[in-house]
């Protein structure tokens, strides 16, 4: 579980990142879970851009389902972009050291 200091640190690191995963008309789907899981395995910290589902409740529901399906944590949501984090399973391959 991330604390507020760690979330702030991750949001700062994610600022320069481009969205890796896009959420379209299908919304939450097995393809979205697979793409998110793969991106988290490669990068640890990713941005997800919502092209559809502009209402806050829809975005929150999709993010909640994604974090549960991928065992990740949501570091924040800014506008139509969510920031997800999952530490690399192998400690030697971790790119991000949390404070």
PDB file of N, CA and C in Angstrom:
ATOM      1  N   UNK A   1       0.842  -1.186   0.000  1.00  0.00           N
ATOM      2  CA  UNK A   1       0.000   0.000   0.000  1.00  0.00           C
ATOM      3  C   UNK A   1       0.883   1.244   0.000  1.00  0.00           C
ATOM      4  N   UNK A   2       0.616   2.143  -0.906  1.00  0.00           N
ATOM      5  CA  UNK A   2       1.409   3.364  -1.017  1.00  0.00           C
ATOM      6  C   UNK A   2       0.926   4.426  -0.031  1.00  0.00           C
ATOM      7  N   UNK A   3       1.877   5.120   0.585  1.00  0.00           N
ATOM      8  CA  UNK A   3       1.483   6.240   1.437  1.00  0.00           C
ATOM      9  C   UNK A   3       1.501   7.525   0.617  1.00  0.00           C
ATOM     10  N   UNK A   4       1.119   8.637   1.200  1.00  0.00           N
ATOM     11  CA  UNK A   4       0.970   9.886   0.445  1.00  0.00           C
ATOM     12  C   UNK A   4       2.307  10.392  -0.105  1.00  0.00           C
ATOM     13  N   UNK A   5       3.395  10.210   0.630  1.00  0.00           N
ATOM     14  CA  UNK A   5       4.714  10.632   0.160  1.00  0.00           C
ATOM     15  C   UNK A   5       5.130   9.833  -1.076  1.00  0.00           C
ATOM     16  N   UNK A   6       4.877   8.536  -1.046  1.00  0.00           N
ATOM     17  CA  UNK A   6       5.219   7.690  -2.184  1.00  0.00           C
ATOM     18  C   UNK A   6       4.369   8.029  -3.403  1.00  0.00           C
ATOM     19  N   UNK A   7       3.081   8.283  -3.193  1.00  0.00           N
ATOM     20  CA  UNK A   7       2.201   8.680  -4.300  1.00  0.00           C
ATOM     21  C   UNK A   7       2.693   9.978  -4.948  1.00  0.00           C
ATOM     22  N   UNK A   8       3.054  10.943  -4.126  1.00  0.00           N
ATOM     23  CA  UNK A   8       3.554  12.226  -4.642  1.00  0.00           C
ATOM     24  C   UNK A   8       4.842  12.013  -5.428  1.00  0.00           C
ATOM     25  N   UNK A   9       5.745  11.185  -4.920  1.00  0.00           N
ATOM     26  CA  UNK A   9       6.993  10.863  -5.607  1.00  0.00           C
ATOM     27  C   UNK A   9       6.712  10.227  -6.969  1.00  0.00           C
ATOM     28  N   UNK A  10       5.778   9.274  -7.011  1.00  0.00           N
ATOM     29  CA  UNK A  10       5.450   8.591  -8.262  1.00  0.00           C
ATOM     30  C   UNK A  10       4.771   9.535  -9.260  1.00  0.00           C
ATOM     31  N   UNK A  11       3.899  10.409  -8.796  1.00  0.00           N
ATOM     32  CA  UNK A  11       3.270  11.385  -9.687  1.00  0.00           C
ATOM     33  C   UNK A  11       4.324  12.291 -10.314  1.00  0.00           C
ATOM     34  N   UNK A  12       5.327  12.679  -9.527  1.00  0.00           N
ATOM     35  CA  UNK A  12       6.420  13.493 -10.052  1.00  0.00           C
ATOM     36  C   UNK A  12       7.223  12.750 -11.107  1.00  0.00           C
ATOM     37  N   UNK A  13       7.491  11.467 -10.865  1.00  0.00           N
ATOM     38  CA  UNK A  13       8.232  10.655 -11.846  1.00  0.00           C
ATOM     39  C   UNK A  13       7.414  10.444 -13.112  1.00  0.00           C
ATOM     40  N   UNK A  14       6.093  10.353 -12.981  1.00  0.00           N
ATOM     41  CA  UNK A  14       5.226  10.078 -14.127  1.00  0.00           C
ATOM     42  C   UNK A  14       4.970  11.318 -14.975  1.00  0.00           C
ATOM     43  N   UNK A  15       5.283  12.489 -14.449  1.00  0.00           N
ATOM     44  CA  UNK A  15       4.975  13.735 -15.157  1.00  0.00           C
ATOM     45  C   UNK A  15       5.530  13.748 -16.584  1.00  0.00           C
ATOM     46  N   UNK A  16       6.742  13.270 -16.771  1.00  0.00           N
ATOM     47  CA  UNK A  16       7.381  13.320 -18.091  1.00  0.00           C
ATOM     48  C   UNK A  16       7.014  12.137 -18.986  1.00  0.00           C
ATOM     49  N   UNK A  17       6.306  11.152 -18.445  1.00  0.00           N
ATOM     50  CA  UNK A  17       5.944   9.966 -19.230  1.00  0.00           C
ATOM     51  C   UNK A  17       4.798  10.246 -20.192  1.00  0.00           C
ATOM     52  N   UNK A  18       4.793   9.534 -21.289  1.00  0.00           N
ATOM     53  CA  UNK A  18       3.669   9.575 -22.223  1.00  0.00           C
ATOM     54  C   UNK A  18       2.738   8.405 -21.880  1.00  0.00           C
ATOM     55  N   UNK A  19       1.433   8.541 -22.145  1.00  0.00           N
ATOM     56  CA  UNK A  19       0.506   7.434 -21.861  1.00  0.00           C
ATOM     57  C   UNK A  19       0.916   6.167 -22.619  1.00  0.00           C
ATOM     58  N   UNK A  20       0.939   5.048 -21.899  1.00  0.00           N
ATOM     59  CA  UNK A  20       1.331   3.767 -22.465  1.00  0.00           C
ATOM     60  C   UNK A  20       0.117   2.968 -22.913  1.00  0.00           C
ATOM     61  N   UNK A  21      -0.982   3.097 -22.180  1.00  0.00           N
ATOM     62  CA  UNK A  21      -2.200   2.333 -22.448  1.00  0.00           C
ATOM     63  C   UNK A  21      -3.347   3.310 -22.674  1.00  0.00           C
ATOM     64  N   UNK A  22      -4.173   3.027 -23.680  1.00  0.00           N
ATOM     65  CA  UNK A  22      -5.336   3.866 -23.970  1.00  0.00           C
ATOM     66  C   UNK A  22      -6.616   3.079 -23.691  1.00  0.00           C
ATOM     67  N   UNK A  23      -7.578   3.726 -23.048  1.00  0.00           N
ATOM     68  CA  UNK A  23      -8.877   3.111 -22.788  1.00  0.00           C
ATOM     69  C   UNK A  23      -9.857   3.689 -23.796  1.00  0.00           C
ATOM     70  N   UNK A  24     -10.427   2.813 -24.626  1.00  0.00           N
ATOM     71  CA  UNK A  24     -11.348   3.259 -25.672  1.00  0.00           C
ATOM     72  C   UNK A  24     -12.784   2.905 -25.363  1.00  0.00           C
ATOM     73  N   UNK A  25     -13.552   2.654 -26.423  1.00  0.00           N
ATOM     74  CA  UNK A  25     -14.988   2.399 -26.284  1.00  0.00           C
ATOM     75  C   UNK A  25     -15.288   1.119 -25.512  1.00  0.00           C
ATOM     76  N   UNK A  26     -14.436   0.109 -25.632  1.00  0.00           N
ATOM     77  CA  UNK A  26     -14.702  -1.159 -24.955  1.00  0.00           C
ATOM     78  C   UNK A  26     -14.621  -1.031 -23.441  1.00  0.00           C
ATOM     79  N   UNK A  27     -13.858  -0.071 -22.958  1.00  0.00           N
ATOM     80  CA  UNK A  27     -13.705   0.100 -21.518  1.00  0.00           C
ATOM     81  C   UNK A  27     -12.866  -1.024 -20.939  1.00  0.00           C
ATOM     82  N   UNK A  28     -13.326  -1.570 -19.815  1.00  0.00           N
ATOM     83  CA  UNK A  28     -12.589  -2.650 -19.157  1.00  0.00           C
ATOM     84  C   UNK A  28     -12.786  -3.941 -19.942  1.00  0.00           C
ATOM     85  N   UNK A  29     -11.686  -4.531 -20.390  1.00  0.00           N
ATOM     86  CA  UNK A  29     -11.747  -5.760 -21.179  1.00  0.00           C
ATOM     87  C   UNK A  29     -10.496  -6.588 -20.914  1.00  0.00           C
ATOM     88  N   UNK A  30     -10.511  -7.867 -21.308  1.00  0.00           N
ATOM     89  CA  UNK A  30      -9.302  -8.694 -21.138  1.00  0.00           C
ATOM     90  C   UNK A  30      -8.092  -8.119 -21.885  1.00  0.00           C
ATOM     91  N   UNK A  31      -8.333  -7.487 -23.036  1.00  0.00           N
ATOM     92  CA  UNK A  31      -7.237  -6.884 -23.791  1.00  0.00           C
ATOM     93  C   UNK A  31      -6.614  -5.727 -23.009  1.00  0.00           C
ATOM     94  N   UNK A  32      -7.454  -4.930 -22.349  1.00  0.00           N
ATOM     95  CA  UNK A  32      -6.967  -3.813 -21.550  1.00  0.00           C
ATOM     96  C   UNK A  32      -6.128  -4.322 -20.376  1.00  0.00           C
ATOM     97  N   UNK A  33      -6.589  -5.380 -19.727  1.00  0.00           N
ATOM     98  CA  UNK A  33      -5.848  -5.962 -18.612  1.00  0.00           C
ATOM     99  C   UNK A  33      -4.503  -6.491 -19.096  1.00  0.00           C
ATOM    100  N   UNK A  34      -4.489  -7.185 -20.231  1.00  0.00           N
ATOM    101  CA  UNK A  34      -3.248  -7.744 -20.772  1.00  0.00           C
ATOM    102  C   UNK A  34      -2.265  -6.630 -21.143  1.00  0.00           C
ATOM    103  N   UNK A  35      -2.751  -5.574 -21.788  1.00  0.00           N
ATOM    104  CA  UNK A  35      -1.884  -4.458 -22.169  1.00  0.00           C
ATOM    105  C   UNK A  35      -1.318  -3.753 -20.940  1.00  0.00           C
ATOM    106  N   UNK A  36      -2.156  -3.553 -19.933  1.00  0.00           N
ATOM    107  CA  UNK A  36      -1.719  -2.893 -18.709  1.00  0.00           C
ATOM    108  C   UNK A  36      -0.702  -3.749 -17.967  1.00  0.00           C
ATOM    109  N   UNK A  37      -0.972  -5.043 -17.864  1.00  0.00           N
ATOM    110  CA  UNK A  37      -0.063  -5.962 -17.177  1.00  0.00           C
ATOM    111  C   UNK A  37       1.303  -5.991 -17.862  1.00  0.00           C
ATOM    112  N   UNK A  38       1.300  -6.045 -19.175  1.00  0.00           N
ATOM    113  CA  UNK A  38       2.547  -6.058 -19.942  1.00  0.00           C
ATOM    114  C   UNK A  38       3.319  -4.752 -19.759  1.00  0.00           C
ATOM    115  N   UNK A  39       2.625  -3.627 -19.809  1.00  0.00           N
ATOM    116  CA  UNK A  39       3.279  -2.323 -19.638  1.00  0.00           C
ATOM    117  C   UNK A  39       3.864  -2.181 -18.238  1.00  0.00           C
ATOM    118  N   UNK A  40       3.145  -2.651 -17.219  1.00  0.00           N
ATOM    119  CA  UNK A  40       3.654  -2.584 -15.852  1.00  0.00           C
ATOM    120  C   UNK A  40       4.878  -3.473 -15.679  1.00  0.00           C
ATOM    121  N   UNK A  41       4.887  -4.630 -16.321  1.00  0.00           N
ATOM    122  CA  UNK A  41       6.037  -5.529 -16.236  1.00  0.00           C
ATOM    123  C   UNK A  41       7.269  -4.880 -16.863  1.00  0.00           C
ATOM    124  N   UNK A  42       7.065  -4.116 -17.933  1.00  0.00           N
ATOM    125  CA  UNK A  42       8.185  -3.472 -18.623  1.00  0.00           C
ATOM    126  C   UNK A  42       8.651  -2.190 -17.944  1.00  0.00           C
ATOM    127  N   UNK A  43       7.706  -1.385 -17.431  1.00  0.00           N
ATOM    128  CA  UNK A  43       8.045  -0.034 -16.993  1.00  0.00           C
ATOM    129  C   UNK A  43       7.854   0.250 -15.507  1.00  0.00           C
ATOM    130  N   UNK A  44       7.093  -0.549 -14.776  1.00  0.00           N
ATOM    131  CA  UNK A  44       6.762  -0.333 -13.363  1.00  0.00           C
ATOM    132  C   UNK A  44       5.791   0.829 -13.140  1.00  0.00           C
ATOM    133  N   UNK A  45       6.002   1.950 -13.819  1.00  0.00           N
ATOM    134  CA  UNK A  45       5.163   3.139 -13.650  1.00  0.00           C
ATOM    135  C   UNK A  45       4.631   3.530 -15.024  1.00  0.00           C
ATOM    136  N   UNK A  46       3.303   3.568 -15.163  1.00  0.00           N
ATOM    137  CA  UNK A  46       2.703   3.863 -16.466  1.00  0.00           C
ATOM    138  C   UNK A  46       1.569   4.873 -16.321  1.00  0.00           C
ATOM    139  N   UNK A  47       1.256   5.492 -17.452  1.00  0.00           N
ATOM    140  CA  UNK A  47       0.083   6.356 -17.532  1.00  0.00           C
ATOM    141  C   UNK A  47      -0.953   5.675 -18.412  1.00  0.00           C
ATOM    142  N   UNK A  48      -2.212   5.815 -18.020  1.00  0.00           N
ATOM    143  CA  UNK A  48      -3.329   5.288 -18.801  1.00  0.00           C
ATOM    144  C   UNK A  48      -4.203   6.465 -19.199  1.00  0.00           C
ATOM    145  N   UNK A  49      -4.426   6.608 -20.484  1.00  0.00           N
ATOM    146  CA  UNK A  49      -5.222   7.721 -21.016  1.00  0.00           C
ATOM    147  C   UNK A  49      -6.635   7.241 -21.320  1.00  0.00           C
ATOM    148  N   UNK A  50      -7.625   7.979 -20.851  1.00  0.00           N
ATOM    149  CA  UNK A  50      -9.029   7.668 -21.114  1.00  0.00           C
ATOM    150  C   UNK A  50      -9.510   8.476 -22.311  1.00  0.00           C
ATOM    151  N   UNK A  51      -9.726   7.808 -23.445  1.00  0.00           N
ATOM    152  CA  UNK A  51     -10.272   8.477 -24.623  1.00  0.00           C
ATOM    153  C   UNK A  51     -11.794   8.529 -24.549  1.00  0.00           C
ATOM    154  N   UNK A  52     -12.389   7.551 -23.917  1.00  0.00           N
ATOM    155  CA  UNK A  52     -13.829   7.515 -23.646  1.00  0.00           C
ATOM    156  C   UNK A  52     -13.980   7.571 -22.124  1.00  0.00           C
ATOM    157  N   UNK A  53     -15.177   7.412 -21.617  1.00  0.00           N
ATOM    158  CA  UNK A  53     -15.425   7.399 -20.166  1.00  0.00           C
ATOM    159  C   UNK A  53     -14.916   8.681 -19.519  1.00  0.00           C
ATOM    160  N   UNK A  54     -15.440   9.802 -19.955  1.00  0.00           N
ATOM    161  CA  UNK A  54     -14.987  11.084 -19.428  1.00  0.00           C
ATOM    162  C   UNK A  54     -15.542  11.390 -18.038  1.00  0.00           C
ATOM    163  N   UNK A  55     -16.583  10.665 -17.601  1.00  0.00           N
ATOM    164  CA  UNK A  55     -17.131  10.938 -16.267  1.00  0.00           C
ATOM    165  C   UNK A  55     -16.252  10.264 -15.210  1.00  0.00           C
ATOM    166  N   UNK A  56     -16.122  10.934 -14.084  1.00  0.00           N
ATOM    167  CA  UNK A  56     -15.201  10.514 -13.033  1.00  0.00           C
ATOM    168  C   UNK A  56     -15.508   9.116 -12.488  1.00  0.00           C
ATOM    169  N   UNK A  57     -16.788   8.795 -12.313  1.00  0.00           N
ATOM    170  CA  UNK A  57     -17.159   7.498 -11.738  1.00  0.00           C
ATOM    171  C   UNK A  57     -16.734   6.349 -12.655  1.00  0.00           C
ATOM    172  N   UNK A  58     -16.898   6.526 -13.962  1.00  0.00           N
ATOM    173  CA  UNK A  58     -16.501   5.494 -14.919  1.00  0.00           C
ATOM    174  C   UNK A  58     -15.002   5.252 -14.909  1.00  0.00           C
ATOM    175  N   UNK A  59     -14.228   6.333 -14.839  1.00  0.00           N
ATOM    176  CA  UNK A  59     -12.771   6.212 -14.797  1.00  0.00           C
ATOM    177  C   UNK A  59     -12.322   5.536 -13.504  1.00  0.00           C
ATOM    178  N   UNK A  60     -12.929   5.933 -12.395  1.00  0.00           N
ATOM    179  CA  UNK A  60     -12.569   5.339 -11.099  1.00  0.00           C
ATOM    180  C   UNK A  60     -12.875   3.847 -11.074  1.00  0.00           C
ATOM    181  N   UNK A  61     -14.020   3.459 -11.628  1.00  0.00           N
ATOM    182  CA  UNK A  61     -14.409   2.042 -11.642  1.00  0.00           C
ATOM    183  C   UNK A  61     -13.436   1.220 -12.489  1.00  0.00           C
ATOM    184  N   UNK A  62     -13.052   1.746 -13.644  1.00  0.00           N
ATOM    185  CA  UNK A  62     -12.109   1.027 -14.504  1.00  0.00           C
ATOM    186  C   UNK A  62     -10.746   0.922 -13.820  1.00  0.00           C
ATOM    187  N   UNK A  63     -10.294   1.997 -13.199  1.00  0.00           N
ATOM    188  CA  UNK A  63      -8.999   1.969 -12.502  1.00  0.00           C
ATOM    189  C   UNK A  63      -9.018   0.980 -11.341  1.00  0.00           C
ATOM    190  N   UNK A  64     -10.110   0.949 -10.599  1.00  0.00           N
ATOM    191  CA  UNK A  64     -10.241   0.003  -9.484  1.00  0.00           C
ATOM    192  C   UNK A  64     -10.145  -1.429  -9.987  1.00  0.00           C
ATOM    193  N   UNK A  65     -10.872  -1.738 -11.064  1.00  0.00           N
ATOM    194  CA  UNK A  65     -10.844  -3.089 -11.633  1.00  0.00           C
ATOM    195  C   UNK A  65      -9.455  -3.420 -12.177  1.00  0.00           C
ATOM    196  N   UNK A  66      -8.793  -2.450 -12.804  1.00  0.00           N
ATOM    197  CA  UNK A  66      -7.446  -2.688 -13.348  1.00  0.00           C
ATOM    198  C   UNK A  66      -6.421  -2.941 -12.248  1.00  0.00           C
ATOM    199  N   UNK A  67      -6.487  -2.166 -11.176  1.00  0.00           N
ATOM    200  CA  UNK A  67      -5.516  -2.372 -10.097  1.00  0.00           C
ATOM    201  C   UNK A  67      -5.703  -3.734  -9.443  1.00  0.00           C
ATOM    202  N   UNK A  68      -6.948  -4.179  -9.320  1.00  0.00           N
ATOM    203  CA  UNK A  68      -7.190  -5.510  -8.759  1.00  0.00           C
ATOM    204  C   UNK A  68      -6.723  -6.609  -9.705  1.00  0.00           C
ATOM    205  N   UNK A  69      -6.977  -6.446 -11.000  1.00  0.00           N
ATOM    206  CA  UNK A  69      -6.619  -7.477 -11.983  1.00  0.00           C
ATOM    207  C   UNK A  69      -5.107  -7.583 -12.192  1.00  0.00           C
ATOM    208  N   UNK A  70      -4.386  -6.476 -12.019  1.00  0.00           N
ATOM    209  CA  UNK A  70      -2.941  -6.481 -12.284  1.00  0.00           C
ATOM    210  C   UNK A  70      -2.099  -6.420 -11.012  1.00  0.00           C
ATOM    211  N   UNK A  71      -2.717  -6.444  -9.840  1.00  0.00           N
ATOM    212  CA  UNK A  71      -2.034  -6.315  -8.553  1.00  0.00           C
ATOM    213  C   UNK A  71      -1.136  -5.082  -8.523  1.00  0.00           C
ATOM    214  N   UNK A  72      -1.686  -3.954  -8.973  1.00  0.00           N
ATOM    215  CA  UNK A  72      -0.932  -2.700  -8.996  1.00  0.00           C
ATOM    216  C   UNK A  72      -1.589  -1.694  -8.058  1.00  0.00           C
ATOM    217  N   UNK A  73      -0.992  -0.518  -7.968  1.00  0.00           N
ATOM    218  CA  UNK A  73      -1.512   0.556  -7.123  1.00  0.00           C
ATOM    219  C   UNK A  73      -1.731   1.797  -7.987  1.00  0.00           C
ATOM    220  N   UNK A  74      -2.766   2.539  -7.678  1.00  0.00           N
ATOM    221  CA  UNK A  74      -3.003   3.787  -8.395  1.00  0.00           C
ATOM    222  C   UNK A  74      -2.302   4.909  -7.638  1.00  0.00           C
ATOM    223  N   UNK A  75      -1.363   5.581  -8.315  1.00  0.00           N
ATOM    224  CA  UNK A  75      -0.623   6.677  -7.693  1.00  0.00           C
ATOM    225  C   UNK A  75      -1.386   7.984  -7.801  1.00  0.00           C
ATOM    226  N   UNK A  76      -2.306   8.059  -8.756  1.00  0.00           N
ATOM    227  CA  UNK A  76      -3.095   9.270  -8.892  1.00  0.00           C
ATOM    228  C   UNK A  76      -3.833   9.319 -10.207  1.00  0.00           C
ATOM    229  N   UNK A  77      -4.730  10.308 -10.310  1.00  0.00           N
ATOM    230  CA  UNK A  77      -5.451  10.551 -11.550  1.00  0.00           C
ATOM    231  C   UNK A  77      -5.486  12.058 -11.766  1.00  0.00           C
ATOM    232  N   UNK A  78      -5.012  12.463 -12.926  1.00  0.00           N
ATOM    233  CA  UNK A  78      -4.984  13.873 -13.273  1.00  0.00           C
ATOM    234  C   UNK A  78      -5.752  14.024 -14.575  1.00  0.00           C
ATOM    235  N   UNK A  79      -6.890  14.678 -14.524  1.00  0.00           N
ATOM    236  CA  UNK A  79      -7.724  14.838 -15.712  1.00  0.00           C
ATOM    237  C   UNK A  79      -8.219  13.496 -16.218  1.00  0.00           C
ATOM    238  N   UNK A  80      -7.878  13.184 -17.464  1.00  0.00           N
ATOM    239  CA  UNK A  80      -8.290  11.914 -18.069  1.00  0.00           C
ATOM    240  C   UNK A  80      -7.136  10.925 -18.125  1.00  0.00           C
ATOM    241  N   UNK A  81      -6.168  11.082 -17.239  1.00  0.00           N
ATOM    242  CA  UNK A  81      -4.990  10.223 -17.217  1.00  0.00           C
ATOM    243  C   UNK A  81      -4.790   9.660 -15.818  1.00  0.00           C
ATOM    244  N   UNK A  82      -4.666   8.336 -15.736  1.00  0.00           N
ATOM    245  CA  UNK A  82      -4.411   7.661 -14.462  1.00  0.00           C
ATOM    246  C   UNK A  82      -2.957   7.199 -14.437  1.00  0.00           C
ATOM    247  N   UNK A  83      -2.375   7.154 -13.246  1.00  0.00           N
ATOM    248  CA  UNK A  83      -0.995   6.711 -13.058  1.00  0.00           C
ATOM    249  C   UNK A  83      -1.016   5.448 -12.211  1.00  0.00           C
ATOM    250  N   UNK A  84      -0.490   4.358 -12.763  1.00  0.00           N
ATOM    251  CA  UNK A  84      -0.432   3.079 -12.055  1.00  0.00           C
ATOM    252  C   UNK A  84       1.008   2.682 -11.802  1.00  0.00           C
ATOM    253  N   UNK A  85       1.229   2.003 -10.666  1.00  0.00           N
ATOM    254  CA  UNK A  85       2.561   1.550 -10.286  1.00  0.00           C
ATOM    255  C   UNK A  85       2.487   0.116  -9.782  1.00  0.00           C
ATOM    256  N   UNK A  86       3.458  -0.678 -10.212  1.00  0.00           N
ATOM    257  CA  UNK A  86       3.643  -2.024  -9.655  1.00  0.00           C
ATOM    258  C   UNK A  86       5.135  -2.293  -9.637  1.00  0.00           C
ATOM    259  N   UNK A  87       5.661  -2.575  -8.451  1.00  0.00           N
ATOM    260  CA  UNK A  87       7.092  -2.837  -8.319  1.00  0.00           C
ATOM    261  C   UNK A  87       7.456  -4.112  -9.074  1.00  0.00           C
ATOM    262  N   UNK A  88       8.630  -4.098  -9.683  1.00  0.00           N
ATOM    263  CA  UNK A  88       9.162  -5.270 -10.368  1.00  0.00           C
ATOM    264  C   UNK A  88       9.322  -6.404  -9.348  1.00  0.00           C
ATOM    265  N   UNK A  89       8.959  -7.610  -9.728  1.00  0.00           N
ATOM    266  CA  UNK A  89       9.025  -8.752  -8.809  1.00  0.00           C
ATOM    267  C   UNK A  89      10.464  -9.042  -8.381  1.00  0.00           C
ATOM    268  N   UNK A  90      11.407  -8.893  -9.293  1.00  0.00           N
ATOM    269  CA  UNK A  90      12.815  -9.133  -9.000  1.00  0.00           C
ATOM    270  C   UNK A  90      13.449  -7.843  -8.464  1.00  0.00           C
ATOM    271  N   UNK A  91      13.868  -7.826  -7.185  1.00  0.00           N
ATOM    272  CA  UNK A  91      14.422  -6.592  -6.608  1.00  0.00           C
ATOM    273  C   UNK A  91      15.620  -6.027  -7.366  1.00  0.00           C
ATOM    274  N   UNK A  92      16.395  -6.870  -8.024  1.00  0.00           N
ATOM    275  CA  UNK A  92      17.573  -6.397  -8.751  1.00  0.00           C
ATOM    276  C   UNK A  92      17.212  -5.666 -10.042  1.00  0.00           C
ATOM    277  N   UNK A  93      16.012  -5.920 -10.580  1.00  0.00           N
ATOM    278  CA  UNK A  93      15.590  -5.296 -11.835  1.00  0.00           C
ATOM    279  C   UNK A  93      14.739  -4.056 -11.620  1.00  0.00           C
ATOM    280  N   UNK A  94      14.484  -3.691 -10.367  1.00  0.00           N
ATOM    281  CA  UNK A  94      13.645  -2.522 -10.091  1.00  0.00           C
ATOM    282  C   UNK A  94      14.310  -1.249 -10.551  1.00  0.00           C
ATOM    283  N   UNK A  95      13.543  -0.414 -11.250  1.00  0.00           N
ATOM    284  CA  UNK A  95      14.034   0.857 -11.742  1.00  0.00           C
ATOM    285  C   UNK A  95      13.697   1.991 -10.790  1.00  0.00           C
ATOM    286  N   UNK A  96      12.654   1.821 -10.002  1.00  0.00           N
ATOM    287  CA  UNK A  96      12.166   2.885  -9.130  1.00  0.00           C
ATOM    288  C   UNK A  96      12.349   2.465  -7.665  1.00  0.00           C
ATOM    289  N   UNK A  97      13.011   3.316  -6.910  1.00  0.00           N
ATOM    290  CA  UNK A  97      13.177   3.105  -5.467  1.00  0.00           C
ATOM    291  C   UNK A  97      12.251   4.079  -4.746  1.00  0.00           C
ATOM    292  N   UNK A  98      11.286   3.549  -4.045  1.00  0.00           N
ATOM    293  CA  UNK A  98      10.335   4.413  -3.326  1.00  0.00           C
ATOM    294  C   UNK A  98      10.958   4.996  -2.079  1.00  0.00           C
ATOM    295  N   UNK A  99      10.604   6.244  -1.751  1.00  0.00           N
ATOM    296  CA  UNK A  99      11.142   6.850  -0.521  1.00  0.00           C
ATOM    297  C   UNK A  99      10.529   6.225   0.718  1.00  0.00           C
TER     298      UNK A  99
END
